[in-house]
């Protein structure tokens, strides 16, 4: 397998949203979206069993691919970060049969399903040990009385550190709002830390500022979805983000590179 090296900087495109949201603007035509972001230079894809199964030839062997193994109810039943149920939906053996380069799981710190997600992570980490299949953990604080601000650097750092302690190889978490505060996350987690994009930001400039801040704060890259494929020109966004992540470009220079085609 052409596995993503764990120390590398990376722009990973997240395409697992439809498993929870159903039909999502920007993902109506999955094959077209895949081709646009991969042709533009995306370093990897994190997606669902169905996408890997049906678009296997466009992914496996072409780009490092991470398979989401877990999941909860759809948005038509429960809201993000407020789940009462969470399950392991696919197995490590499923991942190996598909030929993916890594797996992805959630770690919901503070939420009702916190222990369930940690049990899943621990089990999958053990199952992956035999061949070193990388495990990406999306470590997120959940809104509770004990976590009034889910983007607080201390909370984000603790969620990320717990993922490390459970055996993760890569951490995906939210940006804390500044490079200085985000450095507290990256300096206390001995793993590559990539940021999630979350909901679509108002402008591409705003998204690039977040990417630039995360890299300046010690982050290794992004796992972005809506802030890439919901843009009118996803390829331009990929090129711009690559310029920041791989070449250290400023936001202004990255915008110019993205638009240049």
Protein backbone atom coordinates (compact mmCIF):
# COMPACT_ATOMS: atom_id res chain seq x y z
CA UNK A 1 0.00 0.00 0.00
CA UNK A 2 1.07 3.58 -0.68
CA UNK A 3 0.33 4.58 2.89
CA UNK A 4 0.38 8.17 4.01
CA UNK A 5 3.58 8.60 5.98
CA UNK A 6 2.68 9.60 9.48
CA UNK A 7 5.11 12.49 9.69
CA UNK A 8 4.14 14.02 6.37
CA UNK A 9 2.15 17.20 5.88
CA UNK A 10 -1.06 16.42 4.07
CA UNK A 11 -4.22 17.77 2.53
CA UNK A 12 -6.81 15.04 3.03
CA UNK A 13 -10.27 15.55 1.55
CA UNK A 14 -13.07 14.37 3.84
CA UNK A 15 -15.99 12.79 1.99
CA UNK A 16 -17.84 10.90 4.73
CA UNK A 17 -20.57 13.50 5.33
CA UNK A 18 -23.37 11.81 3.41
CA UNK A 19 -23.36 8.84 5.79
CA UNK A 20 -24.85 11.16 8.39
CA UNK A 21 -26.42 13.96 6.35
CA UNK A 22 -27.79 12.03 3.38
CA UNK A 23 -27.76 14.14 0.22
CA UNK A 24 -25.18 16.90 0.68
CA UNK A 25 -24.59 19.82 -1.73
CA UNK A 26 -21.24 19.24 -3.38
CA UNK A 27 -21.38 15.45 -3.05
CA UNK A 28 -24.32 14.72 -5.34
CA UNK A 29 -21.93 13.36 -7.97
CA UNK A 30 -19.26 11.60 -5.96
CA UNK A 31 -17.17 10.46 -8.91
CA UNK A 32 -16.96 13.94 -10.39
CA UNK A 33 -15.99 15.47 -7.06
CA UNK A 34 -13.33 12.82 -6.49
CA UNK A 35 -11.76 13.44 -9.87
CA UNK A 36 -11.73 17.23 -9.40
CA UNK A 37 -9.98 17.18 -6.04
CA UNK A 38 -7.55 14.40 -6.90
CA UNK A 39 -6.57 15.93 -10.24
CA UNK A 40 -5.85 19.17 -8.34
CA UNK A 41 -3.39 17.40 -6.06
CA UNK A 42 -5.18 16.27 -2.90
CA UNK A 43 -2.84 14.09 -0.83
CA UNK A 44 -5.50 11.72 0.45
CA UNK A 45 -9.20 11.00 0.93
CA UNK A 46 -11.14 10.02 4.04
CA UNK A 47 -14.50 8.51 3.16
CA UNK A 48 -17.10 5.77 3.66
CA UNK A 49 -17.31 2.09 2.82
CA UNK A 50 -19.82 2.77 0.04
CA UNK A 51 -17.61 5.35 -1.68
CA UNK A 52 -14.55 3.11 -1.56
CA UNK A 53 -16.55 0.10 -2.75
CA UNK A 54 -18.14 1.86 -5.73
CA UNK A 55 -15.20 4.10 -6.70
CA UNK A 56 -12.45 1.65 -5.83
CA UNK A 57 -10.50 2.14 -9.06
CA UNK A 58 -10.48 5.93 -8.66
CA UNK A 59 -9.06 5.70 -5.13
CA UNK A 60 -7.04 2.60 -4.27
CA UNK A 61 -3.55 2.80 -5.70
CA UNK A 62 -4.13 6.36 -6.82
CA UNK A 63 -4.15 8.18 -3.49
CA UNK A 64 -3.89 7.22 0.22
CA UNK A 65 -7.42 6.45 1.38
CA UNK A 66 -8.77 6.37 4.94
CA UNK A 67 -11.98 4.46 5.66
CA UNK A 68 -14.37 5.64 8.36
CA UNK A 69 -15.31 2.57 10.38
CA UNK A 70 -17.74 4.03 12.94
CA UNK A 71 -20.93 6.03 12.98
CA UNK A 72 -24.05 7.18 14.77
CA UNK A 73 -27.60 8.19 13.93
CA UNK A 74 -28.36 10.45 10.97
CA UNK A 75 -28.96 14.16 11.33
CA UNK A 76 -32.67 13.37 11.07
CA UNK A 77 -32.49 11.88 14.54
CA UNK A 78 -29.61 13.50 16.47
CA UNK A 79 -27.31 16.49 16.17
CA UNK A 80 -23.56 16.55 15.69
CA UNK A 81 -21.59 16.28 18.97
CA UNK A 82 -24.80 15.39 20.85
CA UNK A 83 -25.08 11.68 20.15
CA UNK A 84 -26.69 9.16 22.47
CA UNK A 85 -25.55 6.20 20.33
CA UNK A 86 -22.33 5.33 18.52
CA UNK A 87 -21.20 2.05 16.97
CA UNK A 88 -18.43 0.30 15.08
CA UNK A 89 -20.10 -0.21 11.70
CA UNK A 90 -17.27 -1.81 9.72
CA UNK A 91 -14.31 -3.91 10.80
CA UNK A 92 -10.57 -3.72 10.27
CA UNK A 93 -10.91 -6.82 8.10
CA UNK A 94 -13.39 -4.89 5.93
CA UNK A 95 -10.74 -2.17 5.58
CA UNK A 96 -8.06 -4.68 4.62
CA UNK A 97 -10.32 -6.31 2.02
CA UNK A 98 -10.94 -2.93 0.41
CA UNK A 99 -7.21 -2.23 0.36
CA UNK A 100 -7.38 1.15 2.11
CA UNK A 101 -4.33 2.86 3.58
CA UNK A 102 -5.77 3.66 7.01
CA UNK A 103 -8.93 3.90 9.09
CA UNK A 104 -10.69 6.75 10.85
CA UNK A 105 -12.68 6.79 14.10
CA UNK A 106 -14.27 9.35 16.42
CA UNK A 107 -13.34 10.19 19.99
CA UNK A 108 -16.11 12.32 21.55
CA UNK A 109 -14.62 13.67 24.78
CA UNK A 110 -17.25 14.69 27.31
CA UNK A 111 -20.25 13.45 25.32
CA UNK A 112 -22.74 10.75 26.27
CA UNK A 113 -20.94 8.31 23.97
CA UNK A 114 -17.43 9.15 25.18
CA UNK A 115 -16.65 5.72 26.62
CA UNK A 116 -18.23 3.91 23.67
CA UNK A 117 -15.98 5.80 21.23
CA UNK A 118 -12.91 5.12 23.36
CA UNK A 119 -13.74 1.41 23.52
CA UNK A 120 -14.04 1.37 19.72
CA UNK A 121 -10.71 3.18 19.27
CA UNK A 122 -8.93 0.81 21.66
CA UNK A 123 -10.35 -2.25 19.92
CA UNK A 124 -9.49 -1.02 16.42
CA UNK A 125 -5.98 0.05 17.43
CA UNK A 126 -5.40 -3.49 18.69
CA UNK A 127 -6.82 -5.03 15.52
CA UNK A 128 -4.56 -2.83 13.37
CA UNK A 129 -1.40 -3.70 15.29
CA UNK A 130 -0.56 -6.83 13.28
CA UNK A 131 0.23 -4.94 10.07
CA UNK A 132 0.47 -1.35 11.31
CA UNK A 133 -2.60 -0.07 9.49
CA UNK A 134 -2.69 3.62 10.54
CA UNK A 135 -5.54 4.78 12.76
CA UNK A 136 -6.75 8.38 12.50
CA UNK A 137 -8.82 9.54 15.47
CA UNK A 138 -11.06 12.57 15.16
CA UNK A 139 -10.72 13.84 18.72
CA UNK A 140 -13.39 16.39 19.57
CA UNK A 141 -14.63 17.95 22.81
CA UNK A 142 -18.43 17.87 23.12
CA UNK A 143 -20.54 20.69 24.60
CA UNK A 144 -21.20 19.99 28.29
CA UNK A 145 -21.21 21.88 31.57
CA UNK A 146 -17.56 20.87 31.94
CA UNK A 147 -16.71 21.98 28.39
CA UNK A 148 -18.50 25.30 27.82
CA UNK A 149 -16.22 26.17 24.89
CA UNK A 150 -15.53 23.25 22.55
CA UNK A 151 -12.74 25.10 20.73
CA UNK A 152 -10.86 25.94 23.93
CA UNK A 153 -7.20 25.02 23.51
CA UNK A 154 -7.03 23.11 26.79
CA UNK A 155 -10.08 21.01 25.88
CA UNK A 156 -8.80 20.39 22.35
CA UNK A 157 -5.36 19.45 23.67
CA UNK A 158 -6.88 17.02 26.17
CA UNK A 159 -9.07 15.36 23.53
CA UNK A 160 -6.05 14.98 21.26
CA UNK A 161 -3.83 13.65 24.03
CA UNK A 162 -6.41 11.05 25.02
CA UNK A 163 -6.47 9.87 21.39
CA UNK A 164 -2.69 9.46 21.55
CA UNK A 165 -2.92 7.54 24.83
CA UNK A 166 -5.46 5.16 23.26
CA UNK A 167 -3.01 4.36 20.46
CA UNK A 168 -3.93 6.63 17.55
CA UNK A 169 -1.36 7.32 14.83
CA UNK A 170 -2.87 10.57 13.51
CA UNK A 171 -5.16 13.06 15.23
CA UNK A 172 -7.81 15.16 13.53
CA UNK A 173 -9.28 17.97 15.61
CA UNK A 174 -10.63 21.50 15.36
CA UNK A 175 -8.57 24.67 15.07
CA UNK A 176 -8.56 26.71 18.27
CA UNK A 177 -8.74 30.16 16.67
CA UNK A 178 -5.11 31.25 16.77
CA UNK A 179 -1.73 29.74 15.98
CA UNK A 180 -0.55 30.48 19.53
CA UNK A 181 -3.39 28.58 21.19
CA UNK A 182 -3.23 25.77 18.64
CA UNK A 183 0.43 25.24 19.44
CA UNK A 184 -0.67 24.08 22.90
CA UNK A 185 -2.51 21.23 21.13
CA UNK A 186 0.38 20.25 18.85
CA UNK A 187 3.06 20.50 21.54
CA UNK A 188 1.20 18.25 23.97
CA UNK A 189 0.20 15.57 21.44
CA UNK A 190 3.15 13.48 20.16
CA UNK A 191 1.36 12.74 16.86
CA UNK A 192 0.76 14.52 13.56
CA UNK A 193 -2.24 16.81 14.19
CA UNK A 194 -4.50 17.71 11.26
CA UNK A 195 -7.46 20.04 11.51
CA UNK A 196 -11.07 19.41 10.55
CA UNK A 197 -12.88 22.03 8.52
CA UNK A 198 -16.30 21.80 10.12
CA UNK A 199 -19.13 23.75 8.55
CA UNK A 200 -18.44 25.79 5.44
CA UNK A 201 -16.81 29.12 6.22
CA UNK A 202 -18.06 32.39 4.74
CA UNK A 203 -15.21 32.82 2.25
CA UNK A 204 -12.26 30.91 0.85
CA UNK A 205 -10.04 33.59 2.40
CA UNK A 206 -11.40 32.67 5.84
CA UNK A 207 -10.74 28.97 5.25
CA UNK A 208 -7.20 29.66 4.10
CA UNK A 209 -6.55 31.83 7.16
CA UNK A 210 -7.53 28.85 9.33
CA UNK A 211 -5.21 26.54 7.40
CA UNK A 212 -2.36 29.06 7.59
CA UNK A 213 -2.85 29.51 11.34
CA UNK A 214 -2.93 25.78 11.98
CA UNK A 215 0.29 25.19 10.06
CA UNK A 216 1.96 28.10 11.87
CA UNK A 217 0.84 26.49 15.14
CA UNK A 218 2.53 23.18 14.37
CA UNK A 219 -0.27 21.41 12.55
CA UNK A 220 0.59 18.96 9.78
CA UNK A 221 -2.32 19.71 7.49
CA UNK A 222 -6.06 19.39 7.11
CA UNK A 223 -8.90 16.92 6.68
CA UNK A 224 -11.37 19.27 4.97
CA UNK A 225 -14.67 18.52 3.27
CA UNK A 226 -17.30 21.21 2.80
CA UNK A 227 -14.72 23.98 2.65
CA UNK A 228 -13.33 22.30 -0.45
CA UNK A 229 -16.08 20.55 -2.39
CA UNK A 230 -18.87 23.03 -1.66
CA UNK A 231 -16.82 25.80 -3.28
CA UNK A 232 -17.61 26.76 -6.88
CA UNK A 233 -14.06 25.74 -7.81
CA UNK A 234 -12.88 22.89 -5.55
CA UNK A 235 -9.71 22.42 -7.58
CA UNK A 236 -8.66 26.01 -6.92
CA UNK A 237 -9.19 25.52 -3.20
CA UNK A 238 -7.06 22.36 -3.23
CA UNK A 239 -4.25 24.15 -5.06
CA UNK A 240 -4.39 27.08 -2.63
CA UNK A 241 -4.38 24.87 0.47
CA UNK A 242 -1.53 22.78 -0.92
CA UNK A 243 0.53 25.93 -1.36
CA UNK A 244 0.13 26.76 2.35
CA UNK A 245 0.57 23.22 3.67
CA UNK A 246 3.46 22.11 1.48
CA UNK A 247 5.20 25.33 0.45
CA UNK A 248 4.54 27.69 3.35
CA UNK A 249 2.76 30.21 1.14
CA UNK A 250 0.96 33.22 2.57
CA UNK A 251 -2.80 33.39 2.24
CA UNK A 252 -2.54 36.04 -0.49
CA UNK A 253 -0.02 34.01 -2.47
CA UNK A 254 -2.05 30.83 -2.01
CA UNK A 255 -5.16 32.55 -3.36
CA UNK A 256 -3.24 33.63 -6.45
CA UNK A 257 -1.85 30.12 -6.94
CA UNK A 258 -5.30 28.59 -6.59
CA UNK A 259 -6.85 30.92 -9.13
CA UNK A 260 -4.00 30.54 -11.60
CA UNK A 261 -5.06 26.99 -12.41
